[in-house]
C-alpha cells in the first residue's frame, strides 16, 4: 500500500499529533479524502481530532463507532461554513454495506472526509485519497506513514 515517496513521522507526545496534522494538511494540498489504517487503539481517532482542530472544527470530535458517521462544521479560508465528515467503518462487513450508508456521497463531494477502517471499501477510494498508516511502537509512541 505504501510505496516510494511515503513520508514517516514519529509521534512521541500529544503535541506531536498537532504538528503532524498541520504537516499532513499542508502535504495534502487540495486533497480532502483521508483513509486511516491501524489496529484498534493505534491512534486513528486521536489523529483525526488533531486534524479537525487544525481545520478549526474545534473540540468535541469523537469516534463515530456507533453512528458510523459524524459531521462537524468549520470555517474555510474564504470565511464559508463547511462540513467535514468522520467515518468509522469497523462494524461494516463489506463494500455493499458501505454503499448502503451512502459512503460515495462523502467520498466524492468537496468536503473533508476522514475514514477509519477503510479496508473493506478500497474499491470505492478516490484516486487522490491520502493514505495514513499508524503503527504503535511502544507505550504512547507511534510511527505514522502517509502517502
Protein backbone atom coordinates (compact mmCIF):
# COMPACT_ATOMS: atom_id res chain seq x y z
CA UNK A 1 0.00 0.00 0.00
CA UNK A 2 2.80 2.43 0.86
CA UNK A 3 5.47 2.75 -1.79
CA UNK A 4 8.25 5.11 -2.74
CA UNK A 5 7.53 8.65 -1.74
CA UNK A 6 5.83 7.75 1.53
CA UNK A 7 6.60 10.09 4.43
CA UNK A 8 7.23 9.00 8.02
CA UNK A 9 6.69 10.82 11.29
CA UNK A 10 7.26 9.53 14.83
CA UNK A 11 4.73 10.70 17.41
CA UNK A 12 6.12 10.79 20.95
CA UNK A 13 3.74 13.23 22.67
CA UNK A 14 0.19 14.52 22.28
CA UNK A 15 1.53 17.80 20.89
CA UNK A 16 3.26 15.83 18.12
CA UNK A 17 -0.19 14.90 16.78
CA UNK A 18 -0.88 18.63 16.26
CA UNK A 19 2.42 19.13 14.43
CA UNK A 20 1.77 16.13 12.24
CA UNK A 21 -1.80 17.27 11.50
CA UNK A 22 -0.55 20.66 10.28
CA UNK A 23 2.19 18.98 8.23
CA UNK A 24 -0.19 16.45 6.68
CA UNK A 25 -2.80 19.05 5.72
CA UNK A 26 -0.08 21.12 4.04
CA UNK A 27 1.21 18.00 2.26
CA UNK A 28 -2.31 17.06 1.10
CA UNK A 29 -2.90 20.43 -0.53
CA UNK A 30 -6.30 20.32 -2.24
CA UNK A 31 -6.87 16.65 -1.43
CA UNK A 32 -9.62 16.25 1.17
CA UNK A 33 -10.16 12.49 1.50
CA UNK A 34 -8.11 10.59 4.07
CA UNK A 35 -8.05 6.84 4.81
CA UNK A 36 -6.59 5.89 8.18
CA UNK A 37 -5.26 2.38 8.82
CA UNK A 38 -4.10 0.88 12.10
CA UNK A 39 -5.05 -1.61 14.73
CA UNK A 40 -7.57 -0.87 17.47
CA UNK A 41 -6.12 1.76 19.79
CA UNK A 42 -3.38 2.81 17.36
CA UNK A 43 -4.42 6.47 17.48
CA UNK A 44 -6.64 6.96 14.44
CA UNK A 45 -9.32 8.92 16.29
CA UNK A 46 -6.70 10.92 18.21
CA UNK A 47 -5.12 11.94 14.93
CA UNK A 48 -8.47 12.85 13.37
CA UNK A 49 -9.18 15.04 16.41
CA UNK A 50 -5.89 16.87 15.75
CA UNK A 51 -6.72 17.24 12.05
CA UNK A 52 -10.14 18.67 12.93
CA UNK A 53 -8.59 21.15 15.37
CA UNK A 54 -6.16 22.27 12.67
CA UNK A 55 -9.11 22.89 10.36
CA UNK A 56 -10.95 24.83 13.08
CA UNK A 57 -13.66 22.27 13.76
CA UNK A 58 -12.98 22.70 17.47
CA UNK A 59 -13.38 20.31 20.32
CA UNK A 60 -15.98 17.59 20.74
CA UNK A 61 -14.72 15.34 17.94
CA UNK A 62 -15.40 11.74 18.92
CA UNK A 63 -15.28 8.40 17.15
CA UNK A 64 -18.50 7.57 15.29
CA UNK A 65 -18.22 3.89 16.26
CA UNK A 66 -21.97 3.53 16.72
CA UNK A 67 -23.34 6.25 14.44
CA UNK A 68 -20.85 5.33 11.67
CA UNK A 69 -20.66 8.98 10.50
CA UNK A 70 -20.18 12.22 12.44
CA UNK A 71 -20.35 15.64 10.82
CA UNK A 72 -18.53 18.70 12.12
CA UNK A 73 -18.54 22.29 10.91
CA UNK A 74 -15.58 24.57 10.34
CA UNK A 75 -14.95 27.87 8.59
CA UNK A 76 -12.76 27.67 5.49
CA UNK A 77 -10.15 30.23 4.41
CA UNK A 78 -12.78 32.17 2.45
CA UNK A 79 -14.93 32.51 5.58
CA UNK A 80 -17.56 29.98 4.48
CA UNK A 81 -19.06 27.41 6.83
CA UNK A 82 -18.18 23.95 5.58
CA UNK A 83 -18.78 20.40 6.76
CA UNK A 84 -16.27 17.67 7.40
CA UNK A 85 -17.14 14.02 7.86
CA UNK A 86 -15.60 11.40 10.11
CA UNK A 87 -16.48 7.80 9.27
CA UNK A 88 -15.73 4.69 11.33
CA UNK A 89 -16.43 1.60 9.22
CA UNK A 90 -15.23 -1.01 11.73
CA UNK A 91 -18.70 -2.53 12.11
CA UNK A 92 -19.39 -2.83 8.38
CA UNK A 93 -18.88 -6.22 6.75
CA UNK A 94 -18.38 -5.29 3.11
CA UNK A 95 -18.46 -2.68 0.37
CA UNK A 96 -22.21 -3.13 -0.15
CA UNK A 97 -22.90 -2.06 3.45
CA UNK A 98 -20.69 1.00 2.87
CA UNK A 99 -22.74 1.87 -0.20
CA UNK A 100 -25.93 1.42 1.83
CA UNK A 101 -24.86 4.17 4.26
CA UNK A 102 -24.07 6.49 1.35
CA UNK A 103 -20.29 6.43 1.61
CA UNK A 104 -19.93 7.58 -2.01
CA UNK A 105 -21.62 10.85 -1.11
CA UNK A 106 -18.85 11.54 1.40
CA UNK A 107 -16.00 10.35 -0.83
CA UNK A 108 -16.95 12.35 -3.90
CA UNK A 109 -18.12 15.69 -2.54
CA UNK A 110 -16.00 18.77 -1.83
CA UNK A 111 -15.90 18.30 1.96
CA UNK A 112 -13.12 16.85 4.08
CA UNK A 113 -13.67 13.18 4.86
CA UNK A 114 -11.64 11.12 7.35
CA UNK A 115 -12.28 7.36 7.23
CA UNK A 116 -11.22 4.88 9.91
CA UNK A 117 -11.15 1.19 8.91
CA UNK A 118 -11.42 1.78 5.12
CA UNK A 119 -10.06 -1.65 4.15
CA UNK A 120 -13.39 -3.12 3.10
CA UNK A 121 -14.13 -0.32 0.63
CA UNK A 122 -10.81 0.13 -1.16
CA UNK A 123 -12.60 -0.25 -4.49
CA UNK A 124 -14.50 2.98 -3.80
CA UNK A 125 -11.44 5.07 -2.94
CA UNK A 126 -10.93 8.30 -4.89
CA UNK A 127 -7.72 8.28 -6.92
CA UNK A 128 -6.25 11.12 -4.86
CA UNK A 129 -7.02 9.74 -1.39
CA UNK A 130 -4.36 10.36 1.27
CA UNK A 131 -3.50 7.06 2.98
CA UNK A 132 -2.25 7.11 6.56
CA UNK A 133 -0.88 4.08 8.45
CA UNK A 134 -0.49 4.39 12.23
CA UNK A 135 1.70 1.77 13.90
CA UNK A 136 2.17 1.53 17.68
CA UNK A 137 5.87 1.28 18.50
CA UNK A 138 5.98 1.26 22.31
CA UNK A 139 3.92 2.86 25.07
CA UNK A 140 2.48 6.04 23.53
CA UNK A 141 4.99 6.21 20.66
CA UNK A 142 3.51 5.83 17.17
CA UNK A 143 5.03 5.67 13.71
CA UNK A 144 2.82 7.37 11.15
CA UNK A 145 3.38 6.71 7.45
CA UNK A 146 1.44 8.63 4.84
CA UNK A 147 1.27 8.86 1.08
